[in-house]
C-alpha atoms as a PDB file:
ATOM      1  CA  MET A   1      -2.776  -8.593 -50.443  1.00  0.00           C
ATOM      2  CA  ALA A   2       0.899  -8.236 -49.513  1.00  0.00           C
ATOM      3  CA  THR A   3       0.432  -4.496 -48.941  1.00  0.00           C
ATOM      4  CA  PHE A   4      -2.455  -5.135 -46.537  1.00  0.00           C
ATOM      5  CA  ALA A   5      -0.367  -7.596 -44.504  1.00  0.00           C
ATOM      6  CA  HIS A   6       2.565  -5.189 -44.397  1.00  0.00           C
ATOM      7  CA  THR A   7       0.286  -2.359 -43.248  1.00  0.00           C
ATOM      8  CA  ALA A   8      -1.129  -4.538 -40.483  1.00  0.00           C
ATOM      9  CA  ASP A   9       2.330  -5.552 -39.309  1.00  0.00           C
ATOM     10  CA  THR A  10       3.470  -1.931 -39.267  1.00  0.00           C
ATOM     11  CA  ALA A  11       0.437  -0.857 -37.266  1.00  0.00           C
ATOM     12  CA  ARG A  12       1.037  -3.660 -34.746  1.00  0.00           C
ATOM     13  CA  GLY A  13       4.717  -2.725 -34.503  1.00  0.00           C
ATOM     14  CA  SER A  14       3.786   0.903 -33.943  1.00  0.00           C
ATOM     15  CA  SER A  15       1.326  -0.047 -31.223  1.00  0.00           C
ATOM     16  CA  SER A  16       3.980  -2.240 -29.577  1.00  0.00           C
ATOM     17  CA  PHE A  17       6.476   0.603 -29.712  1.00  0.00           C
ATOM     18  CA  ALA A  18       3.957   2.980 -28.205  1.00  0.00           C
ATOM     19  CA  HIS A  19       3.389   0.504 -25.407  1.00  0.00           C
ATOM     20  CA  VAL A  20       7.132   0.292 -24.714  1.00  0.00           C
ATOM     21  CA  VAL A  21       7.415   4.089 -24.682  1.00  0.00           C
ATOM     22  CA  GLU A  22       4.430   4.424 -22.345  1.00  0.00           C
ATOM     23  CA  THR A  23       5.792   1.727 -19.992  1.00  0.00           C
ATOM     24  CA  ALA A  24       9.207   3.401 -19.902  1.00  0.00           C
ATOM     25  CA  SER A  25       7.618   6.776 -19.278  1.00  0.00           C
ATOM     26  CA  ASN A  26       5.546   5.396 -16.424  1.00  0.00           C
ATOM     27  CA  MET A  27       8.595   3.742 -14.892  1.00  0.00           C
ATOM     28  CA  LEU A  28      10.626   6.962 -15.101  1.00  0.00           C
ATOM     29  CA  GLY A  29       7.751   8.825 -13.465  1.00  0.00           C
ATOM     30  CA  LEU A  30       7.572   6.280 -10.636  1.00  0.00           C
ATOM     31  CA  TRP A  31      11.340   6.486 -10.076  1.00  0.00           C
ATOM     32  CA  ARG A  32      11.163  10.294  -9.997  1.00  0.00           C
ATOM     33  CA  GLN A  33       8.321  10.124  -7.514  1.00  0.00           C
ATOM     34  CA  ARG A  34      10.336   7.816  -5.245  1.00  0.00           C
ATOM     35  CA  ILE A  35      13.370  10.158  -5.365  1.00  0.00           C
ATOM     36  CA  VAL A  36      11.235  13.179  -4.415  1.00  0.00           C
ATOM     37  CA  THR A  37       9.273  11.345  -1.751  1.00  0.00           C
ATOM     38  CA  ARG A  38      12.333   9.907  -0.072  1.00  0.00           C
ATOM     39  CA  ARG A  39      14.049  13.296  -0.142  1.00  0.00           C
ATOM     40  CA  GLU A  40      10.999  14.896   1.469  1.00  0.00           C
ATOM     41  CA  LEU A  41      10.902  12.138   4.110  1.00  0.00           C
ATOM     42  CA  GLY A  42      14.357  13.250   5.183  1.00  0.00           C
ATOM     43  CA  ARG A  43      13.069  16.757   5.869  1.00  0.00           C
ATOM     44  CA  LEU A  44      10.375  15.645   8.320  1.00  0.00           C
ATOM     45  CA  ASP A  45      10.943  16.154  12.048  1.00  0.00           C
ATOM     46  CA  GLU A  46      10.110  13.486  14.669  1.00  0.00           C
ATOM     47  CA  ARG A  47       6.582  14.729  15.222  1.00  0.00           C
ATOM     48  CA  MET A  48       5.794  14.742  11.541  1.00  0.00           C
ATOM     49  CA  LEU A  49       7.224  11.224  11.137  1.00  0.00           C
ATOM     50  CA  GLN A  50       5.130  10.043  14.033  1.00  0.00           C
ATOM     51  CA  ASP A  51       2.027  11.513  12.364  1.00  0.00           C
ATOM     52  CA  ILE A  52       2.563   9.274   9.334  1.00  0.00           C
ATOM     53  CA  GLY A  53       3.463   6.221  11.416  1.00  0.00           C
ATOM     54  CA  PHE A  54       7.228   6.364  10.914  1.00  0.00           C
ATOM     55  CA  ASN A  55      10.125   6.745  13.291  1.00  0.00           C
ATOM     56  CA  ARG A  56      13.599   8.029  12.356  1.00  0.00           C
ATOM     57  CA  LEU A  57      14.936   4.509  11.844  1.00  0.00           C
ATOM     58  CA  ASP A  58      12.068   3.702   9.433  1.00  0.00           C
ATOM     59  CA  ALA A  59      12.660   6.955   7.561  1.00  0.00           C
ATOM     60  CA  ASP A  60      16.424   6.346   7.328  1.00  0.00           C
ATOM     61  CA  GLN A  61      15.887   2.814   5.980  1.00  0.00           C
ATOM     62  CA  GLU A  62      13.391   4.098   3.373  1.00  0.00           C
ATOM     63  CA  MET A  63      15.716   6.939   2.332  1.00  0.00           C
ATOM     64  CA  SER A  64      18.677   4.554   1.923  1.00  0.00           C
ATOM     65  CA  LYS A  65      16.852   2.522  -0.763  1.00  0.00           C
ATOM     66  CA  PRO A  66      17.877   3.154  -4.358  1.00  0.00           C
ATOM     67  CA  PHE A  67      15.153   4.774  -6.441  1.00  0.00           C
ATOM     68  CA  TRP A  68      14.494   1.589  -8.413  1.00  0.00           C
ATOM     69  CA  ARG A  69      13.593  -0.418  -5.302  1.00  0.00           C
ATOM     70  CA  GLU A  70      10.082  -0.390  -3.889  1.00  0.00           C
END
């Protein structure tokens, strides 16, 4: 019976580890997306910014945020 309990604990630990890895991977992907999006925002001209409902001040404020901030 001890072997069965050990196997169950190991499987649970593995699942927990996989969840941590998946969560970290998702967070890194989100941070990367923010970096790219904010960089691209800086390349837009006034007309393009207006098309998406931004002005230069809005764009500058968004681009000044660190990648970990929403």
